[in-house]
Amino acid sequence: MTYIQVIIEIIKNVNSRITDETDLTWTKFNRANEMKSELYTDIKELEKGNLEILEKFNLYFAPTGTFQEIAIPNGWGEDFIIMANDFDQLYEKIKAST
């Protein structure tokens, strides 16, 4: 599995945790389906090889970024830390190789 494929799996994991009941208060999203739709589109772009999308996810995984702001109030903050660490390591490997 390539680094990008692993990142896609991490993002799919995040996306699978978002439901209509997800607290999105500290994000730009008003409804869960908006966020899920955007993530789906971004995943498709990554699958096509558009690495520019990684910059958005670098911000989303950053401390106080979108994903952390969703994870903590929705009860998966510890899982987020693992996902963010994995993303950070993969992101650095990809950046170093381009």
PDB file of N, CA and C in Angstrom:
ATOM      1  N   MET A   1       0.853  -1.176   0.000  1.00  0.00           N
ATOM      2  CA  MET A   1       0.000   0.000   0.000  1.00  0.00           C
ATOM      3  C   MET A   1       0.903   1.245   0.000  1.00  0.00           C
ATOM      4  N   THR A   2       0.583   2.198  -0.847  1.00  0.00           N
ATOM      5  CA  THR A   2       1.384   3.423  -0.916  1.00  0.00           C
ATOM      6  C   THR A   2       1.027   4.352   0.240  1.00  0.00           C
ATOM      7  N   TYR A   3       1.862   5.364   0.447  1.00  0.00           N
ATOM      8  CA  TYR A   3       1.590   6.352   1.493  1.00  0.00           C
ATOM      9  C   TYR A   3       0.245   7.034   1.261  1.00  0.00           C
ATOM     10  N   ILE A   4      -0.034   7.362   0.010  1.00  0.00           N
ATOM     11  CA  ILE A   4      -1.303   8.026  -0.315  1.00  0.00           C
ATOM     12  C   ILE A   4      -2.479   7.109  -0.003  1.00  0.00           C
ATOM     13  N   GLN A   5      -2.349   5.843  -0.321  1.00  0.00           N
ATOM     14  CA  GLN A   5      -3.432   4.907  -0.030  1.00  0.00           C
ATOM     15  C   GLN A   5      -3.698   4.811   1.474  1.00  0.00           C
ATOM     16  N   VAL A   6      -2.645   4.855   2.267  1.00  0.00           N
ATOM     17  CA  VAL A   6      -2.815   4.811   3.721  1.00  0.00           C
ATOM     18  C   VAL A   6      -3.488   6.097   4.204  1.00  0.00           C
ATOM     19  N   ILE A   7      -3.072   7.239   3.663  1.00  0.00           N
ATOM     20  CA  ILE A   7      -3.722   8.503   4.021  1.00  0.00           C
ATOM     21  C   ILE A   7      -5.205   8.460   3.656  1.00  0.00           C
ATOM     22  N   ILE A   8      -5.522   7.929   2.500  1.00  0.00           N
ATOM     23  CA  ILE A   8      -6.921   7.813   2.086  1.00  0.00           C
ATOM     24  C   ILE A   8      -7.694   6.963   3.099  1.00  0.00           C
ATOM     25  N   GLU A   9      -7.105   5.889   3.559  1.00  0.00           N
ATOM     26  CA  GLU A   9      -7.776   5.043   4.559  1.00  0.00           C
ATOM     27  C   GLU A   9      -7.991   5.800   5.866  1.00  0.00           C
ATOM     28  N   ILE A  10      -7.039   6.614   6.257  1.00  0.00           N
ATOM     29  CA  ILE A  10      -7.181   7.428   7.478  1.00  0.00           C
ATOM     30  C   ILE A  10      -8.345   8.408   7.309  1.00  0.00           C
ATOM     31  N   ILE A  11      -8.416   9.053   6.158  1.00  0.00           N
ATOM     32  CA  ILE A  11      -9.483  10.027   5.907  1.00  0.00           C
ATOM     33  C   ILE A  11     -10.837   9.320   5.834  1.00  0.00           C
ATOM     34  N   LYS A  12     -10.877   8.138   5.243  1.00  0.00           N
ATOM     35  CA  LYS A  12     -12.116   7.362   5.220  1.00  0.00           C
ATOM     36  C   LYS A  12     -12.540   7.007   6.641  1.00  0.00           C
ATOM     37  N   ASN A  13     -11.569   6.725   7.499  1.00  0.00           N
ATOM     38  CA  ASN A  13     -11.862   6.433   8.904  1.00  0.00           C
ATOM     39  C   ASN A  13     -12.519   7.648   9.562  1.00  0.00           C
ATOM     40  N   VAL A  14     -11.944   8.812   9.338  1.00  0.00           N
ATOM     41  CA  VAL A  14     -12.543  10.043   9.875  1.00  0.00           C
ATOM     42  C   VAL A  14     -13.960  10.205   9.328  1.00  0.00           C
ATOM     43  N   ASN A  15     -14.099  10.064   8.021  1.00  0.00           N
ATOM     44  CA  ASN A  15     -15.401  10.264   7.371  1.00  0.00           C
ATOM     45  C   ASN A  15     -16.450   9.296   7.922  1.00  0.00           C
ATOM     46  N   SER A  16     -16.041   8.083   8.232  1.00  0.00           N
ATOM     47  CA  SER A  16     -16.995   7.090   8.731  1.00  0.00           C
ATOM     48  C   SER A  16     -17.517   7.438  10.126  1.00  0.00           C
ATOM     49  N   ARG A  17     -16.810   8.282  10.855  1.00  0.00           N
ATOM     50  CA  ARG A  17     -17.212   8.666  12.210  1.00  0.00           C
ATOM     51  C   ARG A  17     -18.184   9.850  12.213  1.00  0.00           C
ATOM     52  N   ILE A  18     -18.372  10.474  11.072  1.00  0.00           N
ATOM     53  CA  ILE A  18     -19.238  11.645  10.993  1.00  0.00           C
ATOM     54  C   ILE A  18     -20.666  11.196  10.683  1.00  0.00           C
ATOM     55  N   THR A  19     -21.561  11.559  11.587  1.00  0.00           N
ATOM     56  CA  THR A  19     -22.977  11.215  11.437  1.00  0.00           C
ATOM     57  C   THR A  19     -23.808  12.491  11.555  1.00  0.00           C
ATOM     58  N   ASP A  20     -25.089  12.355  11.376  1.00  0.00           N
ATOM     59  CA  ASP A  20     -25.982  13.517  11.518  1.00  0.00           C
ATOM     60  C   ASP A  20     -25.938  14.091  12.925  1.00  0.00           C
ATOM     61  N   GLU A  21     -25.537  13.291  13.897  1.00  0.00           N
ATOM     62  CA  GLU A  21     -25.467  13.749  15.286  1.00  0.00           C
ATOM     63  C   GLU A  21     -24.105  14.351  15.648  1.00  0.00           C
ATOM     64  N   THR A  22     -23.148  14.333  14.732  1.00  0.00           N
ATOM     65  CA  THR A  22     -21.806  14.837  15.013  1.00  0.00           C
ATOM     66  C   THR A  22     -21.843  16.332  15.316  1.00  0.00           C
ATOM     67  N   ASP A  23     -21.185  16.702  16.402  1.00  0.00           N
ATOM     68  CA  ASP A  23     -21.065  18.107  16.795  1.00  0.00           C
ATOM     69  C   ASP A  23     -20.019  18.770  15.904  1.00  0.00           C
ATOM     70  N   LEU A  24     -20.450  19.684  15.059  1.00  0.00           N
ATOM     71  CA  LEU A  24     -19.566  20.383  14.120  1.00  0.00           C
ATOM     72  C   LEU A  24     -19.388  21.847  14.505  1.00  0.00           C
ATOM     73  N   THR A  25     -19.703  22.190  15.738  1.00  0.00           N
ATOM     74  CA  THR A  25     -19.725  23.575  16.197  1.00  0.00           C
ATOM     75  C   THR A  25     -18.475  24.358  15.826  1.00  0.00           C
ATOM     76  N   TRP A  26     -17.309  23.785  16.013  1.00  0.00           N
ATOM     77  CA  TRP A  26     -16.054  24.525  15.817  1.00  0.00           C
ATOM     78  C   TRP A  26     -15.453  24.319  14.434  1.00  0.00           C
ATOM     79  N   THR A  27     -16.306  24.007  13.457  1.00  0.00           N
ATOM     80  CA  THR A  27     -15.845  23.827  12.087  1.00  0.00           C
ATOM     81  C   THR A  27     -16.593  24.771  11.160  1.00  0.00           C
ATOM     82  N   LYS A  28     -16.191  24.786   9.912  1.00  0.00           N
ATOM     83  CA  LYS A  28     -16.876  25.612   8.912  1.00  0.00           C
ATOM     84  C   LYS A  28     -18.150  24.952   8.394  1.00  0.00           C
ATOM     85  N   PHE A  29     -18.377  23.712   8.785  1.00  0.00           N
ATOM     86  CA  PHE A  29     -19.506  22.951   8.264  1.00  0.00           C
ATOM     87  C   PHE A  29     -20.752  23.152   9.118  1.00  0.00           C
ATOM     88  N   ASN A  30     -21.895  23.269   8.447  1.00  0.00           N
ATOM     89  CA  ASN A  30     -23.172  23.399   9.139  1.00  0.00           C
ATOM     90  C   ASN A  30     -23.869  22.052   9.313  1.00  0.00           C
ATOM     91  N   ARG A  31     -23.616  21.145   8.363  1.00  0.00           N
ATOM     92  CA  ARG A  31     -24.263  19.834   8.401  1.00  0.00           C
ATOM     93  C   ARG A  31     -23.249  18.748   8.082  1.00  0.00           C
ATOM     94  N   ALA A  32     -23.487  17.587   8.658  1.00  0.00           N
ATOM     95  CA  ALA A  32     -22.577  16.462   8.465  1.00  0.00           C
ATOM     96  C   ALA A  32     -22.464  16.075   6.994  1.00  0.00           C
ATOM     97  N   ASN A  33     -23.582  16.109   6.267  1.00  0.00           N
ATOM     98  CA  ASN A  33     -23.525  15.688   4.863  1.00  0.00           C
ATOM     99  C   ASN A  33     -22.645  16.621   4.027  1.00  0.00           C
ATOM    100  N   GLU A  34     -22.531  17.894   4.414  1.00  0.00           N
ATOM    101  CA  GLU A  34     -21.622  18.818   3.712  1.00  0.00           C
ATOM    102  C   GLU A  34     -20.178  18.361   3.885  1.00  0.00           C
ATOM    103  N   MET A  35     -19.831  18.036   5.106  1.00  0.00           N
ATOM    104  CA  MET A  35     -18.464  17.610   5.375  1.00  0.00           C
ATOM    105  C   MET A  35     -18.167  16.275   4.712  1.00  0.00           C
ATOM    106  N   LYS A  36     -19.078  15.330   4.826  1.00  0.00           N
ATOM    107  CA  LYS A  36     -18.874  14.016   4.218  1.00  0.00           C
ATOM    108  C   LYS A  36     -18.707  14.145   2.705  1.00  0.00           C
ATOM    109  N   SER A  37     -19.502  15.006   2.099  1.00  0.00           N
ATOM    110  CA  SER A  37     -19.419  15.212   0.654  1.00  0.00           C
ATOM    111  C   SER A  37     -18.064  15.797   0.258  1.00  0.00           C
ATOM    112  N   GLU A  38     -17.604  16.793   1.024  1.00  0.00           N
ATOM    113  CA  GLU A  38     -16.301  17.395   0.730  1.00  0.00           C
ATOM    114  C   GLU A  38     -15.179  16.369   0.887  1.00  0.00           C
ATOM    115  N   LEU A  39     -15.229  15.583   1.947  1.00  0.00           N
ATOM    116  CA  LEU A  39     -14.191  14.575   2.158  1.00  0.00           C
ATOM    117  C   LEU A  39     -14.213  13.529   1.050  1.00  0.00           C
ATOM    118  N   TYR A  40     -15.390  13.135   0.624  1.00  0.00           N
ATOM    119  CA  TYR A  40     -15.512  12.175  -0.470  1.00  0.00           C
ATOM    120  C   TYR A  40     -14.859  12.736  -1.743  1.00  0.00           C
ATOM    121  N   THR A  41     -15.147  13.990  -2.050  1.00  0.00           N
ATOM    122  CA  THR A  41     -14.566  14.638  -3.229  1.00  0.00           C
ATOM    123  C   THR A  41     -13.041  14.716  -3.102  1.00  0.00           C
ATOM    124  N   ASP A  42     -12.558  15.077  -1.921  1.00  0.00           N
ATOM    125  CA  ASP A  42     -11.112  15.167  -1.698  1.00  0.00           C
ATOM    126  C   ASP A  42     -10.439  13.802  -1.820  1.00  0.00           C
ATOM    127  N   ILE A  43     -11.092  12.762  -1.338  1.00  0.00           N
ATOM    128  CA  ILE A  43     -10.546  11.408  -1.467  1.00  0.00           C
ATOM    129  C   ILE A  43     -10.424  11.047  -2.940  1.00  0.00           C
ATOM    130  N   LYS A  44     -11.432  11.372  -3.719  1.00  0.00           N
ATOM    131  CA  LYS A  44     -11.389  11.092  -5.166  1.00  0.00           C
ATOM    132  C   LYS A  44     -10.219  11.836  -5.823  1.00  0.00           C
ATOM    133  N   GLU A  45      -9.983  13.069  -5.401  1.00  0.00           N
ATOM    134  CA  GLU A  45      -8.857  13.841  -5.946  1.00  0.00           C
ATOM    135  C   GLU A  45      -7.514  13.182  -5.581  1.00  0.00           C
ATOM    136  N   LEU A  46      -7.396  12.714  -4.362  1.00  0.00           N
ATOM    137  CA  LEU A  46      -6.170  12.015  -3.960  1.00  0.00           C
ATOM    138  C   LEU A  46      -5.988  10.747  -4.788  1.00  0.00           C
ATOM    139  N   GLU A  47      -7.073  10.036  -5.011  1.00  0.00           N
ATOM    140  CA  GLU A  47      -6.998   8.809  -5.817  1.00  0.00           C
ATOM    141  C   GLU A  47      -6.548   9.099  -7.238  1.00  0.00           C
ATOM    142  N   LYS A  48      -6.871  10.291  -7.742  1.00  0.00           N
ATOM    143  CA  LYS A  48      -6.446  10.700  -9.086  1.00  0.00           C
ATOM    144  C   LYS A  48      -5.010  11.197  -9.108  1.00  0.00           C
ATOM    145  N   GLY A  49      -4.401  11.363  -7.916  1.00  0.00           N
ATOM    146  CA  GLY A  49      -3.017  11.812  -7.857  1.00  0.00           C
ATOM    147  C   GLY A  49      -2.842  13.282  -7.548  1.00  0.00           C
ATOM    148  N   ASN A  50      -3.921  13.980  -7.189  1.00  0.00           N
ATOM    149  CA  ASN A  50      -3.840  15.399  -6.859  1.00  0.00           C
ATOM    150  C   ASN A  50      -3.294  15.564  -5.436  1.00  0.00           C
ATOM    151  N   LEU A  51      -1.986  15.753  -5.329  1.00  0.00           N
ATOM    152  CA  LEU A  51      -1.352  15.855  -4.020  1.00  0.00           C
ATOM    153  C   LEU A  51      -1.546  17.221  -3.361  1.00  0.00           C
ATOM    154  N   GLU A  52      -2.050  18.198  -4.099  1.00  0.00           N
ATOM    155  CA  GLU A  52      -2.326  19.508  -3.501  1.00  0.00           C
ATOM    156  C   GLU A  52      -3.357  19.400  -2.376  1.00  0.00           C
ATOM    157  N   ILE A  53      -4.236  18.416  -2.471  1.00  0.00           N
ATOM    158  CA  ILE A  53      -5.268  18.197  -1.446  1.00  0.00           C
ATOM    159  C   ILE A  53      -4.615  17.876  -0.100  1.00  0.00           C
ATOM    160  N   LEU A  54      -3.409  17.347  -0.120  1.00  0.00           N
ATOM    161  CA  LEU A  54      -2.727  17.025   1.141  1.00  0.00           C
ATOM    162  C   LEU A  54      -2.552  18.252   2.027  1.00  0.00           C
ATOM    163  N   GLU A  55      -2.409  19.416   1.417  1.00  0.00           N
ATOM    164  CA  GLU A  55      -2.225  20.641   2.214  1.00  0.00           C
ATOM    165  C   GLU A  55      -3.468  20.938   3.053  1.00  0.00           C
ATOM    166  N   LYS A  56      -4.633  20.709   2.475  1.00  0.00           N
ATOM    167  CA  LYS A  56      -5.877  20.885   3.230  1.00  0.00           C
ATOM    168  C   LYS A  56      -5.907  19.922   4.411  1.00  0.00           C
ATOM    169  N   PHE A  57      -5.554  18.668   4.163  1.00  0.00           N
ATOM    170  CA  PHE A  57      -5.587  17.688   5.240  1.00  0.00           C
ATOM    171  C   PHE A  57      -4.504  17.944   6.281  1.00  0.00           C
ATOM    172  N   ASN A  58      -3.412  18.519   5.859  1.00  0.00           N
ATOM    173  CA  ASN A  58      -2.380  18.906   6.826  1.00  0.00           C
ATOM    174  C   ASN A  58      -2.954  19.911   7.830  1.00  0.00           C
ATOM    175  N   LEU A  59      -3.773  20.820   7.354  1.00  0.00           N
ATOM    176  CA  LEU A  59      -4.443  21.777   8.246  1.00  0.00           C
ATOM    177  C   LEU A  59      -5.546  21.105   9.064  1.00  0.00           C
ATOM    178  N   TYR A  60      -6.299  20.221   8.443  1.00  0.00           N
ATOM    179  CA  TYR A  60      -7.386  19.538   9.154  1.00  0.00           C
ATOM    180  C   TYR A  60      -6.861  18.670  10.304  1.00  0.00           C
ATOM    181  N   PHE A  61      -5.665  18.080  10.119  1.00  0.00           N
ATOM    182  CA  PHE A  61      -5.090  17.227  11.157  1.00  0.00           C
ATOM    183  C   PHE A  61      -4.254  18.005  12.170  1.00  0.00           C
ATOM    184  N   ALA A  62      -4.013  19.266  11.929  1.00  0.00           N
ATOM    185  CA  ALA A  62      -3.195  20.087  12.841  1.00  0.00           C
ATOM    186  C   ALA A  62      -3.908  20.271  14.189  1.00  0.00           C
ATOM    187  N   PRO A  63      -3.128  20.577  15.237  1.00  0.00           N
ATOM    188  CA  PRO A  63      -3.764  20.886  16.523  1.00  0.00           C
ATOM    189  C   PRO A  63      -4.769  22.029  16.344  1.00  0.00           C
ATOM    190  N   THR A  64      -5.908  21.862  16.904  1.00  0.00           N
ATOM    191  CA  THR A  64      -7.073  22.750  16.797  1.00  0.00           C
ATOM    192  C   THR A  64      -7.603  22.849  15.360  1.00  0.00           C
ATOM    193  N   GLY A  65      -7.199  21.917  14.509  1.00  0.00           N
ATOM    194  CA  GLY A  65      -7.727  21.849  13.156  1.00  0.00           C
ATOM    195  C   GLY A  65      -9.106  21.211  13.147  1.00  0.00           C
ATOM    196  N   THR A  66      -9.713  21.175  12.001  1.00  0.00           N
ATOM    197  CA  THR A  66     -11.081  20.684  11.841  1.00  0.00           C
ATOM    198  C   THR A  66     -11.286  19.303  12.452  1.00  0.00           C
ATOM    199  N   PHE A  67     -10.388  18.363  12.171  1.00  0.00           N
ATOM    200  CA  PHE A  67     -10.601  17.010  12.662  1.00  0.00           C
ATOM    201  C   PHE A  67     -10.498  16.922  14.182  1.00  0.00           C
ATOM    202  N   GLN A  68      -9.569  17.652  14.776  1.00  0.00           N
ATOM    203  CA  GLN A  68      -9.482  17.641  16.237  1.00  0.00           C
ATOM    204  C   GLN A  68     -10.720  18.291  16.850  1.00  0.00           C
ATOM    205  N   GLU A  69     -11.203  19.355  16.229  1.00  0.00           N
ATOM    206  CA  GLU A  69     -12.380  20.051  16.739  1.00  0.00           C
ATOM    207  C   GLU A  69     -13.639  19.194  16.641  1.00  0.00           C
ATOM    208  N   ILE A  70     -13.610  18.200  15.792  1.00  0.00           N
ATOM    209  CA  ILE A  70     -14.720  17.251  15.711  1.00  0.00           C
ATOM    210  C   ILE A  70     -14.485  16.080  16.658  1.00  0.00           C
ATOM    211  N   ALA A  71     -13.269  15.582  16.684  1.00  0.00           N
ATOM    212  CA  ALA A  71     -12.956  14.369  17.446  1.00  0.00           C
ATOM    213  C   ALA A  71     -13.213  14.526  18.940  1.00  0.00           C
ATOM    214  N   ILE A  72     -12.726  15.602  19.529  1.00  0.00           N
ATOM    215  CA  ILE A  72     -12.809  15.747  20.984  1.00  0.00           C
ATOM    216  C   ILE A  72     -14.256  15.789  21.488  1.00  0.00           C
ATOM    217  N   PRO A  73     -15.110  16.688  20.971  1.00  0.00           N
ATOM    218  CA  PRO A  73     -16.473  16.716  21.516  1.00  0.00           C
ATOM    219  C   PRO A  73     -17.314  15.494  21.145  1.00  0.00           C
ATOM    220  N   ASN A  74     -16.850  14.720  20.180  1.00  0.00           N
ATOM    221  CA  ASN A  74     -17.619  13.560  19.744  1.00  0.00           C
ATOM    222  C   ASN A  74     -17.064  12.238  20.265  1.00  0.00           C
ATOM    223  N   GLY A  75     -16.077  12.322  21.188  1.00  0.00           N
ATOM    224  CA  GLY A  75     -15.637  11.146  21.912  1.00  0.00           C
ATOM    225  C   GLY A  75     -14.588  10.268  21.263  1.00  0.00           C
ATOM    226  N   TRP A  76     -13.911  10.775  20.237  1.00  0.00           N
ATOM    227  CA  TRP A  76     -12.848   9.965  19.644  1.00  0.00           C
ATOM    228  C   TRP A  76     -11.525  10.732  19.561  1.00  0.00           C
ATOM    229  N   GLY A  77     -11.291  11.535  20.592  1.00  0.00           N
ATOM    230  CA  GLY A  77     -10.072  12.333  20.655  1.00  0.00           C
ATOM    231  C   GLY A  77      -8.801  11.505  20.691  1.00  0.00           C
ATOM    232  N   GLU A  78      -8.807  10.399  21.428  1.00  0.00           N
ATOM    233  CA  GLU A  78      -7.603   9.555  21.489  1.00  0.00           C
ATOM    234  C   GLU A  78      -7.332   8.897  20.145  1.00  0.00           C
ATOM    235  N   ASP A  79      -8.384   8.439  19.481  1.00  0.00           N
ATOM    236  CA  ASP A  79      -8.216   7.864  18.140  1.00  0.00           C
ATOM    237  C   ASP A  79      -7.686   8.919  17.173  1.00  0.00           C
ATOM    238  N   PHE A  80      -8.164  10.155  17.331  1.00  0.00           N
ATOM    239  CA  PHE A  80      -7.695  11.244  16.474  1.00  0.00           C
ATOM    240  C   PHE A  80      -6.181  11.416  16.608  1.00  0.00           C
ATOM    241  N   ILE A  81      -5.671  11.376  17.822  1.00  0.00           N
ATOM    242  CA  ILE A  81      -4.231  11.554  18.034  1.00  0.00           C
ATOM    243  C   ILE A  81      -3.442  10.508  17.255  1.00  0.00           C
ATOM    244  N   ILE A  82      -3.889   9.277  17.278  1.00  0.00           N
ATOM    245  CA  ILE A  82      -3.212   8.206  16.532  1.00  0.00           C
ATOM    246  C   ILE A  82      -3.280   8.493  15.035  1.00  0.00           C
ATOM    247  N   MET A  83      -4.479   8.852  14.560  1.00  0.00           N
ATOM    248  CA  MET A  83      -4.647   9.138  13.127  1.00  0.00           C
ATOM    249  C   MET A  83      -3.801  10.336  12.710  1.00  0.00           C
ATOM    250  N   ALA A  84      -3.776  11.373  13.534  1.00  0.00           N
ATOM    251  CA  ALA A  84      -2.999  12.575  13.210  1.00  0.00           C
ATOM    252  C   ALA A  84      -1.512  12.266  13.173  1.00  0.00           C
ATOM    253  N   ASN A  85      -1.036  11.481  14.121  1.00  0.00           N
ATOM    254  CA  ASN A  85       0.387  11.102  14.116  1.00  0.00           C
ATOM    255  C   ASN A  85       0.730  10.297  12.871  1.00  0.00           C
ATOM    256  N   ASP A  86      -0.140   9.355  12.519  1.00  0.00           N
ATOM    257  CA  ASP A  86       0.084   8.565  11.302  1.00  0.00           C
ATOM    258  C   ASP A  86       0.080   9.465  10.073  1.00  0.00           C
ATOM    259  N   PHE A  87      -0.902  10.369   9.993  1.00  0.00           N
ATOM    260  CA  PHE A  87      -0.965  11.286   8.861  1.00  0.00           C
ATOM    261  C   PHE A  87       0.313  12.125   8.785  1.00  0.00           C
ATOM    262  N   ASP A  88       0.737  12.689   9.914  1.00  0.00           N
ATOM    263  CA  ASP A  88       1.928  13.549   9.932  1.00  0.00           C
ATOM    264  C   ASP A  88       3.158  12.812   9.410  1.00  0.00           C
ATOM    265  N   GLN A  89       3.332  11.588   9.836  1.00  0.00           N
ATOM    266  CA  GLN A  89       4.496  10.806   9.382  1.00  0.00           C
ATOM    267  C   GLN A  89       4.429  10.556   7.878  1.00  0.00           C
ATOM    268  N   LEU A  90       3.265  10.176   7.398  1.00  0.00           N
ATOM    269  CA  LEU A  90       3.102   9.924   5.963  1.00  0.00           C
ATOM    270  C   LEU A  90       3.244  11.189   5.141  1.00  0.00           C
ATOM    271  N   TYR A  91       2.677  12.269   5.639  1.00  0.00           N
ATOM    272  CA  TYR A  91       2.776  13.563   4.952  1.00  0.00           C
ATOM    273  C   TYR A  91       4.241  13.964   4.796  1.00  0.00           C
ATOM    274  N   GLU A  92       5.018  13.824   5.853  1.00  0.00           N
ATOM    275  CA  GLU A  92       6.443  14.174   5.788  1.00  0.00           C
ATOM    276  C   GLU A  92       7.188  13.295   4.796  1.00  0.00           C
ATOM    277  N   LYS A  93       6.874  12.026   4.751  1.00  0.00           N
ATOM    278  CA  LYS A  93       7.522  11.113   3.795  1.00  0.00           C
ATOM    279  C   LYS A  93       7.183  11.511   2.366  1.00  0.00           C
ATOM    280  N   ILE A  94       5.922  11.845   2.137  1.00  0.00           N
ATOM    281  CA  ILE A  94       5.507  12.242   0.787  1.00  0.00           C
ATOM    282  C   ILE A  94       6.192  13.547   0.394  1.00  0.00           C
ATOM    283  N   LYS A  95       6.216  14.519   1.292  1.00  0.00           N
ATOM    284  CA  LYS A  95       6.843  15.821   0.999  1.00  0.00           C
ATOM    285  C   LYS A  95       8.334  15.653   0.731  1.00  0.00           C
ATOM    286  N   ALA A  96       8.981  14.761   1.468  1.00  0.00           N
ATOM    287  CA  ALA A  96      10.417  14.552   1.302  1.00  0.00           C
ATOM    288  C   ALA A  96      10.734  13.886  -0.045  1.00  0.00           C
ATOM    289  N   SER A  97       9.770  13.164  -0.583  1.00  0.00           N
ATOM    290  CA  SER A  97      10.027  12.442  -1.836  1.00  0.00           C
ATOM    291  C   SER A  97       9.588  13.212  -3.073  1.00  0.00           C
ATOM    292  N   THR A  98       8.987  14.409  -2.883  1.00  0.00           N
ATOM    293  CA  THR A  98       8.540  15.160  -4.068  1.00  0.00           C
ATOM    294  C   THR A  98       9.414  16.364  -4.321  1.00  0.00           C
TER     295      THR A  98
END
